Amino acid sequence: MYYELVYNAQADPNVDEKDILDVQRNYKKFNTTKDITGCLIFYNHQIEGILDGEEEKVRKLFDEINDDPKHTKVKLLACEHTAQRYFQRWDMVFQIDSQGGKIGLTERLFRDNLIILTRLVEKPTYTAQVFWREIRKIIEKNRVQRRYVK
């Protein structure tokens, strides 16, 4: 039996590209040693994460995330026991924010591809449904707020 947990948070406004790349590098190494799998999405300083593994280890990691000063407004969205891992082959996905509220082609493709993924990916658990729904909400919310450049 596995435990799946989904959360969201705001990244501290001072988090920059170097911080994100450090997180990406350490994320896989740390989670591998703890036998935790999942997916982390970083977009427009918003974080969506889903973790799965042994319940005690997943809860402990979530507590550490909650105490990390680079995360603010951490909110547990859903959790449940599952018969298998559904995110063992996933990783961290991120888009570095563009400057001045304008986005170019690369960010637009990232956003559009992520929206397509949220519609196509299998959602076998309630927590997975919550995870992908929240990603769609973040992207849709930011699509309205930002201008596009060619």
N, C-alpha and C. Protein backbone atom coordinates (compact mmCIF):
# COMPACT_ATOMS: atom_id res chain seq x y z
N MET A 1 0.86 -1.18 0.00
CA MET A 1 0.00 0.00 0.00
C MET A 1 0.90 1.24 0.00
N TYR A 2 0.54 2.20 -0.83
CA TYR A 2 1.27 3.45 -0.94
C TYR A 2 0.39 4.61 -0.48
N TYR A 3 1.03 5.74 -0.31
CA TYR A 3 0.33 6.93 0.15
C TYR A 3 0.63 8.04 -0.85
N GLU A 4 -0.41 8.70 -1.31
CA GLU A 4 -0.28 9.77 -2.30
C GLU A 4 -0.78 11.06 -1.67
N LEU A 5 -0.02 12.13 -1.86
CA LEU A 5 -0.36 13.43 -1.26
C LEU A 5 -0.14 14.51 -2.30
N VAL A 6 -1.11 15.42 -2.42
CA VAL A 6 -0.98 16.54 -3.36
C VAL A 6 -1.09 17.85 -2.58
N TYR A 7 -0.25 18.81 -2.96
CA TYR A 7 -0.22 20.10 -2.27
C TYR A 7 0.07 21.21 -3.27
N ASN A 8 -0.19 22.43 -2.84
CA ASN A 8 0.27 23.57 -3.61
C ASN A 8 0.88 24.60 -2.68
N ALA A 9 1.64 25.52 -3.27
CA ALA A 9 2.32 26.55 -2.48
C ALA A 9 2.70 27.70 -3.41
N GLN A 10 3.06 28.79 -2.82
CA GLN A 10 3.64 29.91 -3.54
C GLN A 10 5.15 29.85 -3.27
N ALA A 11 5.93 30.10 -4.30
CA ALA A 11 7.38 30.20 -4.09
C ALA A 11 7.66 31.60 -3.56
N ASP A 12 8.63 31.68 -2.68
CA ASP A 12 9.08 32.98 -2.19
C ASP A 12 9.41 33.86 -3.40
N PRO A 13 9.04 35.14 -3.38
CA PRO A 13 9.29 36.01 -4.54
C PRO A 13 10.76 36.13 -4.92
N ASN A 14 11.67 35.85 -3.98
CA ASN A 14 13.10 35.95 -4.26
C ASN A 14 13.69 34.69 -4.90
N VAL A 15 12.87 33.65 -5.07
CA VAL A 15 13.34 32.43 -5.72
C VAL A 15 13.64 32.77 -7.18
N ASP A 16 14.84 32.38 -7.63
CA ASP A 16 15.22 32.68 -9.01
C ASP A 16 15.59 31.41 -9.76
N GLU A 17 16.07 31.57 -10.98
CA GLU A 17 16.38 30.42 -11.83
C GLU A 17 17.39 29.49 -11.16
N LYS A 18 18.42 30.04 -10.51
CA LYS A 18 19.42 29.21 -9.84
C LYS A 18 18.78 28.36 -8.75
N ASP A 19 17.88 28.95 -7.98
CA ASP A 19 17.20 28.20 -6.92
C ASP A 19 16.39 27.04 -7.51
N ILE A 20 15.70 27.29 -8.60
CA ILE A 20 14.88 26.26 -9.23
C ILE A 20 15.76 25.13 -9.75
N LEU A 21 16.88 25.48 -10.38
CA LEU A 21 17.78 24.45 -10.88
C LEU A 21 18.39 23.64 -9.73
N ASP A 22 18.68 24.29 -8.61
CA ASP A 22 19.16 23.58 -7.42
C ASP A 22 18.11 22.61 -6.90
N VAL A 23 16.86 23.07 -6.85
CA VAL A 23 15.77 22.20 -6.39
C VAL A 23 15.66 21.00 -7.32
N GLN A 24 15.71 21.24 -8.61
CA GLN A 24 15.59 20.14 -9.57
C GLN A 24 16.71 19.11 -9.36
N ARG A 25 17.92 19.59 -9.15
CA ARG A 25 19.07 18.70 -8.96
C ARG A 25 18.93 17.89 -7.68
N ASN A 26 18.51 18.54 -6.61
CA ASN A 26 18.42 17.87 -5.31
C ASN A 26 17.16 17.03 -5.16
N TYR A 27 16.10 17.41 -5.86
CA TYR A 27 14.80 16.75 -5.77
C TYR A 27 14.91 15.25 -6.05
N LYS A 28 15.52 14.93 -7.17
CA LYS A 28 15.62 13.53 -7.59
C LYS A 28 16.51 12.75 -6.63
N LYS A 29 17.65 13.32 -6.26
CA LYS A 29 18.60 12.64 -5.38
C LYS A 29 17.94 12.36 -4.02
N PHE A 30 17.32 13.36 -3.42
CA PHE A 30 16.71 13.20 -2.11
C PHE A 30 15.57 12.18 -2.15
N ASN A 31 14.68 12.33 -3.11
CA ASN A 31 13.53 11.44 -3.18
C ASN A 31 13.92 10.00 -3.48
N THR A 32 14.98 9.80 -4.26
CA THR A 32 15.44 8.45 -4.54
C THR A 32 15.92 7.77 -3.25
N THR A 33 16.65 8.49 -2.42
CA THR A 33 17.14 7.89 -1.17
C THR A 33 16.01 7.59 -0.20
N LYS A 34 14.91 8.32 -0.30
CA LYS A 34 13.76 8.12 0.60
C LYS A 34 12.68 7.23 -0.04
N ASP A 35 12.91 6.78 -1.27
CA ASP A 35 11.95 5.97 -2.02
C ASP A 35 10.61 6.69 -2.16
N ILE A 36 10.71 7.98 -2.46
CA ILE A 36 9.52 8.81 -2.71
C ILE A 36 9.53 9.18 -4.19
N THR A 37 8.39 9.03 -4.84
CA THR A 37 8.27 9.44 -6.23
C THR A 37 7.17 10.51 -6.31
N GLY A 38 7.03 11.11 -7.47
CA GLY A 38 6.00 12.14 -7.63
C GLY A 38 6.31 13.06 -8.78
N CYS A 39 5.70 14.21 -8.74
CA CYS A 39 5.87 15.21 -9.78
C CYS A 39 5.75 16.58 -9.13
N LEU A 40 6.58 17.50 -9.58
CA LEU A 40 6.56 18.87 -9.08
C LEU A 40 6.48 19.80 -10.28
N ILE A 41 5.49 20.68 -10.27
CA ILE A 41 5.32 21.67 -11.35
C ILE A 41 5.56 23.05 -10.75
N PHE A 42 6.43 23.82 -11.40
CA PHE A 42 6.71 25.19 -10.99
C PHE A 42 6.37 26.09 -12.17
N TYR A 43 5.42 26.98 -11.97
CA TYR A 43 5.02 27.88 -13.04
C TYR A 43 4.55 29.19 -12.43
N ASN A 44 5.14 30.30 -12.88
CA ASN A 44 4.74 31.63 -12.42
C ASN A 44 4.78 31.73 -10.89
N HIS A 45 5.84 31.21 -10.30
CA HIS A 45 6.07 31.22 -8.85
C HIS A 45 5.01 30.46 -8.06
N GLN A 46 4.29 29.59 -8.73
CA GLN A 46 3.33 28.72 -8.07
C GLN A 46 3.83 27.29 -8.18
N ILE A 47 3.60 26.52 -7.13
CA ILE A 47 4.10 25.15 -7.05
C ILE A 47 2.93 24.21 -6.86
N GLU A 48 2.91 23.15 -7.65
CA GLU A 48 1.97 22.05 -7.47
C GLU A 48 2.81 20.80 -7.32
N GLY A 49 2.56 20.03 -6.30
CA GLY A 49 3.34 18.82 -6.09
C GLY A 49 2.47 17.63 -5.74
N ILE A 50 2.88 16.47 -6.20
CA ILE A 50 2.24 15.22 -5.79
C ILE A 50 3.36 14.27 -5.41
N LEU A 51 3.22 13.63 -4.27
CA LEU A 51 4.23 12.73 -3.73
C LEU A 51 3.59 11.37 -3.49
N ASP A 52 4.34 10.31 -3.74
CA ASP A 52 3.84 9.00 -3.34
C ASP A 52 4.98 8.14 -2.80
N GLY A 53 4.60 7.27 -1.90
CA GLY A 53 5.57 6.41 -1.23
C GLY A 53 5.00 5.90 0.07
N GLU A 54 5.90 5.52 0.97
CA GLU A 54 5.47 5.09 2.30
C GLU A 54 4.88 6.28 3.05
N GLU A 55 3.73 6.08 3.70
CA GLU A 55 3.01 7.20 4.30
C GLU A 55 3.87 8.04 5.24
N GLU A 56 4.58 7.42 6.13
CA GLU A 56 5.39 8.17 7.11
C GLU A 56 6.43 9.05 6.42
N LYS A 57 7.08 8.51 5.39
CA LYS A 57 8.10 9.28 4.66
C LYS A 57 7.49 10.43 3.87
N VAL A 58 6.35 10.19 3.25
CA VAL A 58 5.68 11.24 2.48
C VAL A 58 5.22 12.36 3.41
N ARG A 59 4.62 12.00 4.53
CA ARG A 59 4.17 13.02 5.49
C ARG A 59 5.35 13.82 6.04
N LYS A 60 6.46 13.15 6.31
CA LYS A 60 7.64 13.85 6.82
C LYS A 60 8.17 14.84 5.78
N LEU A 61 8.23 14.40 4.52
CA LEU A 61 8.69 15.30 3.46
C LEU A 61 7.74 16.50 3.33
N PHE A 62 6.45 16.26 3.40
CA PHE A 62 5.50 17.37 3.32
C PHE A 62 5.71 18.35 4.48
N ASP A 63 5.98 17.85 5.68
CA ASP A 63 6.27 18.73 6.82
C ASP A 63 7.51 19.57 6.55
N GLU A 64 8.54 18.97 5.93
CA GLU A 64 9.76 19.72 5.60
C GLU A 64 9.47 20.79 4.55
N ILE A 65 8.65 20.47 3.58
CA ILE A 65 8.26 21.46 2.56
C ILE A 65 7.51 22.61 3.23
N ASN A 66 6.63 22.27 4.14
CA ASN A 66 5.84 23.27 4.85
C ASN A 66 6.73 24.21 5.68
N ASP A 67 7.85 23.69 6.18
CA ASP A 67 8.78 24.49 7.00
C ASP A 67 9.83 25.22 6.17
N ASP A 68 9.93 24.93 4.89
CA ASP A 68 10.93 25.53 4.02
C ASP A 68 10.57 26.98 3.73
N PRO A 69 11.45 27.93 4.04
CA PRO A 69 11.13 29.35 3.80
C PRO A 69 10.98 29.72 2.33
N LYS A 70 11.41 28.85 1.42
CA LYS A 70 11.23 29.13 -0.02
C LYS A 70 9.79 28.86 -0.46
N HIS A 71 9.00 28.22 0.42
CA HIS A 71 7.59 27.95 0.15
C HIS A 71 6.74 28.79 1.09
N THR A 72 5.72 29.44 0.55
CA THR A 72 4.76 30.15 1.39
C THR A 72 3.37 29.66 1.03
N LYS A 73 2.45 29.86 1.92
CA LYS A 73 1.06 29.47 1.69
C LYS A 73 0.93 28.01 1.26
N VAL A 74 1.67 27.13 1.92
CA VAL A 74 1.61 25.70 1.60
C VAL A 74 0.25 25.17 2.04
N LYS A 75 -0.40 24.44 1.12
CA LYS A 75 -1.73 23.92 1.43
C LYS A 75 -1.83 22.46 0.98
N LEU A 76 -2.20 21.60 1.91
CA LEU A 76 -2.48 20.20 1.59
C LEU A 76 -3.84 20.16 0.90
N LEU A 77 -3.88 19.60 -0.31
CA LEU A 77 -5.12 19.57 -1.08
C LEU A 77 -5.85 18.24 -0.99
N ALA A 78 -5.09 17.15 -0.95
CA ALA A 78 -5.72 15.82 -0.89
C ALA A 78 -4.65 14.79 -0.55
N CYS A 79 -5.09 13.68 0.03
CA CYS A 79 -4.19 12.56 0.29
C CYS A 79 -5.03 11.29 0.37
N GLU A 80 -4.41 10.18 0.02
CA GLU A 80 -5.12 8.90 0.07
C GLU A 80 -4.13 7.75 -0.06
N HIS A 81 -4.56 6.58 0.35
CA HIS A 81 -3.79 5.36 0.15
C HIS A 81 -4.10 4.82 -1.24
N THR A 82 -3.07 4.29 -1.90
CA THR A 82 -3.24 3.74 -3.23
C THR A 82 -2.60 2.35 -3.29
N ALA A 83 -3.08 1.54 -4.21
CA ALA A 83 -2.56 0.18 -4.35
C ALA A 83 -1.22 0.16 -5.09
N GLN A 84 -0.95 1.19 -5.87
CA GLN A 84 0.31 1.25 -6.61
C GLN A 84 0.74 2.69 -6.77
N ARG A 85 1.98 2.85 -7.21
CA ARG A 85 2.49 4.20 -7.50
C ARG A 85 2.08 4.58 -8.92
N TYR A 86 1.60 5.80 -9.07
CA TYR A 86 1.22 6.28 -10.38
C TYR A 86 2.18 7.34 -10.91
N PHE A 87 3.10 7.80 -10.08
CA PHE A 87 4.01 8.87 -10.49
C PHE A 87 5.48 8.46 -10.38
N GLN A 88 5.76 7.16 -10.48
CA GLN A 88 7.15 6.71 -10.31
C GLN A 88 8.06 7.12 -11.45
N ARG A 89 7.52 7.47 -12.60
CA ARG A 89 8.36 7.87 -13.74
C ARG A 89 8.28 9.37 -14.02
N TRP A 90 7.66 10.11 -13.14
CA TRP A 90 7.54 11.55 -13.32
C TRP A 90 8.71 12.25 -12.64
N ASP A 91 8.83 13.54 -12.86
CA ASP A 91 9.94 14.32 -12.33
C ASP A 91 9.46 15.74 -12.08
N MET A 92 10.38 16.66 -12.08
CA MET A 92 10.07 18.07 -11.88
C MET A 92 9.95 18.75 -13.24
N VAL A 93 8.91 19.56 -13.41
CA VAL A 93 8.70 20.33 -14.63
C VAL A 93 8.61 21.79 -14.20
N PHE A 94 9.32 22.66 -14.91
CA PHE A 94 9.26 24.06 -14.51
C PHE A 94 9.43 24.98 -15.69
N GLN A 95 8.95 26.19 -15.51
CA GLN A 95 9.13 27.26 -16.47
C GLN A 95 9.61 28.46 -15.69
N ILE A 96 10.76 28.98 -16.06
CA ILE A 96 11.28 30.19 -15.41
C ILE A 96 10.44 31.36 -15.89
N ASP A 97 10.02 32.18 -14.94
CA ASP A 97 9.16 33.32 -15.28
C ASP A 97 9.87 34.29 -16.21
N SER A 98 9.09 34.82 -17.12
CA SER A 98 9.63 35.84 -18.02
C SER A 98 9.56 37.20 -17.33
N GLN A 99 10.24 38.13 -17.91
CA GLN A 99 10.33 39.47 -17.32
C GLN A 99 9.20 40.38 -17.82
N GLY A 100 8.76 41.26 -17.01
CA GLY A 100 7.83 42.30 -17.41
C GLY A 100 6.42 41.83 -17.70
N GLY A 101 6.07 40.63 -17.26
CA GLY A 101 4.72 40.15 -17.47
C GLY A 101 4.42 39.72 -18.90
N LYS A 102 5.43 39.71 -19.78
CA LYS A 102 5.22 39.29 -21.15
C LYS A 102 5.81 37.90 -21.32
N ILE A 103 5.17 37.08 -22.12
CA ILE A 103 5.73 35.76 -22.37
C ILE A 103 5.97 35.58 -23.85
N GLY A 104 7.00 34.84 -24.16
CA GLY A 104 7.35 34.57 -25.54
C GLY A 104 6.93 33.18 -25.95
N LEU A 105 7.42 32.78 -27.10
CA LEU A 105 7.02 31.51 -27.69
C LEU A 105 7.34 30.31 -26.81
N THR A 106 8.52 30.27 -26.20
CA THR A 106 8.91 29.12 -25.38
C THR A 106 7.95 28.94 -24.22
N GLU A 107 7.66 30.00 -23.52
CA GLU A 107 6.74 29.89 -22.38
C GLU A 107 5.33 29.56 -22.85
N ARG A 108 4.92 30.12 -23.96
CA ARG A 108 3.59 29.82 -24.49
C ARG A 108 3.48 28.33 -24.84
N LEU A 109 4.52 27.77 -25.47
CA LEU A 109 4.52 26.33 -25.79
C LEU A 109 4.50 25.48 -24.53
N PHE A 110 5.28 25.89 -23.52
CA PHE A 110 5.29 25.18 -22.25
C PHE A 110 3.88 25.14 -21.67
N ARG A 111 3.27 26.29 -21.62
CA ARG A 111 1.92 26.41 -21.05
C ARG A 111 0.91 25.58 -21.84
N ASP A 112 0.93 25.72 -23.15
CA ASP A 112 -0.03 24.99 -23.98
C ASP A 112 0.17 23.48 -23.88
N ASN A 113 1.42 23.04 -23.89
CA ASN A 113 1.70 21.60 -23.77
C ASN A 113 1.29 21.06 -22.40
N LEU A 114 1.49 21.85 -21.37
CA LEU A 114 1.09 21.40 -20.03
C LEU A 114 -0.43 21.30 -19.93
N ILE A 115 -1.15 22.22 -20.54
CA ILE A 115 -2.62 22.14 -20.56
C ILE A 115 -3.06 20.87 -21.29
N ILE A 116 -2.45 20.58 -22.42
CA ILE A 116 -2.79 19.36 -23.16
C ILE A 116 -2.52 18.14 -22.29
N LEU A 117 -1.38 18.13 -21.60
CA LEU A 117 -1.03 17.01 -20.73
C LEU A 117 -2.07 16.82 -19.63
N THR A 118 -2.56 17.90 -19.05
CA THR A 118 -3.56 17.77 -17.97
C THR A 118 -4.84 17.13 -18.48
N ARG A 119 -5.11 17.27 -19.76
CA ARG A 119 -6.32 16.66 -20.33
C ARG A 119 -6.13 15.21 -20.74
N LEU A 120 -4.91 14.86 -21.14
CA LEU A 120 -4.66 13.54 -21.70
C LEU A 120 -4.19 12.49 -20.69
N VAL A 121 -3.49 12.93 -19.67
CA VAL A 121 -2.89 11.98 -18.73
C VAL A 121 -3.97 11.21 -17.95
N GLU A 122 -3.67 9.94 -17.69
CA GLU A 122 -4.59 9.12 -16.91
C GLU A 122 -4.65 9.66 -15.48
N LYS A 123 -5.84 9.65 -14.91
CA LYS A 123 -6.04 10.15 -13.55
C LYS A 123 -6.70 9.05 -12.70
N PRO A 124 -5.91 8.05 -12.29
CA PRO A 124 -6.49 6.87 -11.64
C PRO A 124 -6.90 7.07 -10.18
N THR A 125 -6.45 8.15 -9.56
CA THR A 125 -6.78 8.37 -8.15
C THR A 125 -7.38 9.76 -7.97
N TYR A 126 -8.05 9.94 -6.86
CA TYR A 126 -8.62 11.25 -6.54
C TYR A 126 -7.50 12.29 -6.44
N THR A 127 -6.39 11.94 -5.78
CA THR A 127 -5.30 12.90 -5.62
C THR A 127 -4.72 13.30 -6.98
N ALA A 128 -4.62 12.36 -7.91
CA ALA A 128 -4.13 12.69 -9.25
C ALA A 128 -5.10 13.64 -9.96
N GLN A 129 -6.39 13.42 -9.78
CA GLN A 129 -7.38 14.32 -10.37
C GLN A 129 -7.22 15.73 -9.83
N VAL A 130 -7.02 15.84 -8.53
CA VAL A 130 -6.83 17.15 -7.89
C VAL A 130 -5.56 17.81 -8.42
N PHE A 131 -4.48 17.04 -8.49
CA PHE A 131 -3.19 17.56 -8.96
C PHE A 131 -3.32 18.17 -10.35
N TRP A 132 -3.86 17.43 -11.31
CA TRP A 132 -3.96 17.93 -12.68
C TRP A 132 -4.97 19.07 -12.81
N ARG A 133 -6.05 19.03 -12.03
CA ARG A 133 -7.03 20.12 -12.05
C ARG A 133 -6.38 21.42 -11.56
N GLU A 134 -5.58 21.34 -10.50
CA GLU A 134 -4.93 22.53 -9.96
C GLU A 134 -3.90 23.11 -10.94
N ILE A 135 -3.20 22.26 -11.66
CA ILE A 135 -2.26 22.75 -12.66
C ILE A 135 -3.00 23.52 -13.74
N ARG A 136 -4.11 22.96 -14.21
CA ARG A 136 -4.92 23.66 -15.21
C ARG A 136 -5.38 25.02 -14.69
N LYS A 137 -5.80 25.07 -13.43
CA LYS A 137 -6.27 26.34 -12.85
C LYS A 137 -5.15 27.39 -12.81
N ILE A 138 -3.95 26.99 -12.43
CA ILE A 138 -2.81 27.93 -12.39
C ILE A 138 -2.55 28.50 -13.78
N ILE A 139 -2.51 27.64 -14.76
CA ILE A 139 -2.18 28.10 -16.11
C ILE A 139 -3.29 28.97 -16.68
N GLU A 140 -4.53 28.56 -16.49
CA GLU A 140 -5.65 29.36 -16.99
C GLU A 140 -5.69 30.73 -16.31
N LYS A 141 -5.45 30.77 -15.03
CA LYS A 141 -5.45 32.04 -14.29
C LYS A 141 -4.35 32.96 -14.83
N ASN A 142 -3.17 32.42 -15.07
CA ASN A 142 -2.06 33.24 -15.54
C ASN A 142 -2.19 33.61 -17.01
N ARG A 143 -2.91 32.81 -17.77
CA ARG A 143 -3.12 33.13 -19.18
C ARG A 143 -3.88 34.44 -19.30
N VAL A 144 -4.84 34.66 -18.46
CA VAL A 144 -5.65 35.88 -18.49
C VAL A 144 -4.84 37.09 -18.02
N GLN A 145 -3.93 36.88 -17.07
CA GLN A 145 -3.20 37.98 -16.46
C GLN A 145 -1.99 38.47 -17.25
N ARG A 146 -1.52 37.68 -18.23
CA ARG A 146 -0.26 38.02 -18.88
C ARG A 146 -0.45 38.34 -20.35
N ARG A 147 0.42 39.20 -20.87
CA ARG A 147 0.41 39.56 -22.29
C ARG A 147 1.43 38.70 -23.01
N TYR A 148 1.20 38.51 -24.29
CA TYR A 148 2.08 37.67 -25.09
C TYR A 148 2.86 38.52 -26.07
N VAL A 149 4.09 38.12 -26.34
CA VAL A 149 4.92 38.79 -27.34
C VAL A 149 5.30 37.77 -28.40
N LYS A 150 5.56 38.23 -29.58
CA LYS A 150 5.97 37.34 -30.68
C LYS A 150 7.46 37.24 -30.75
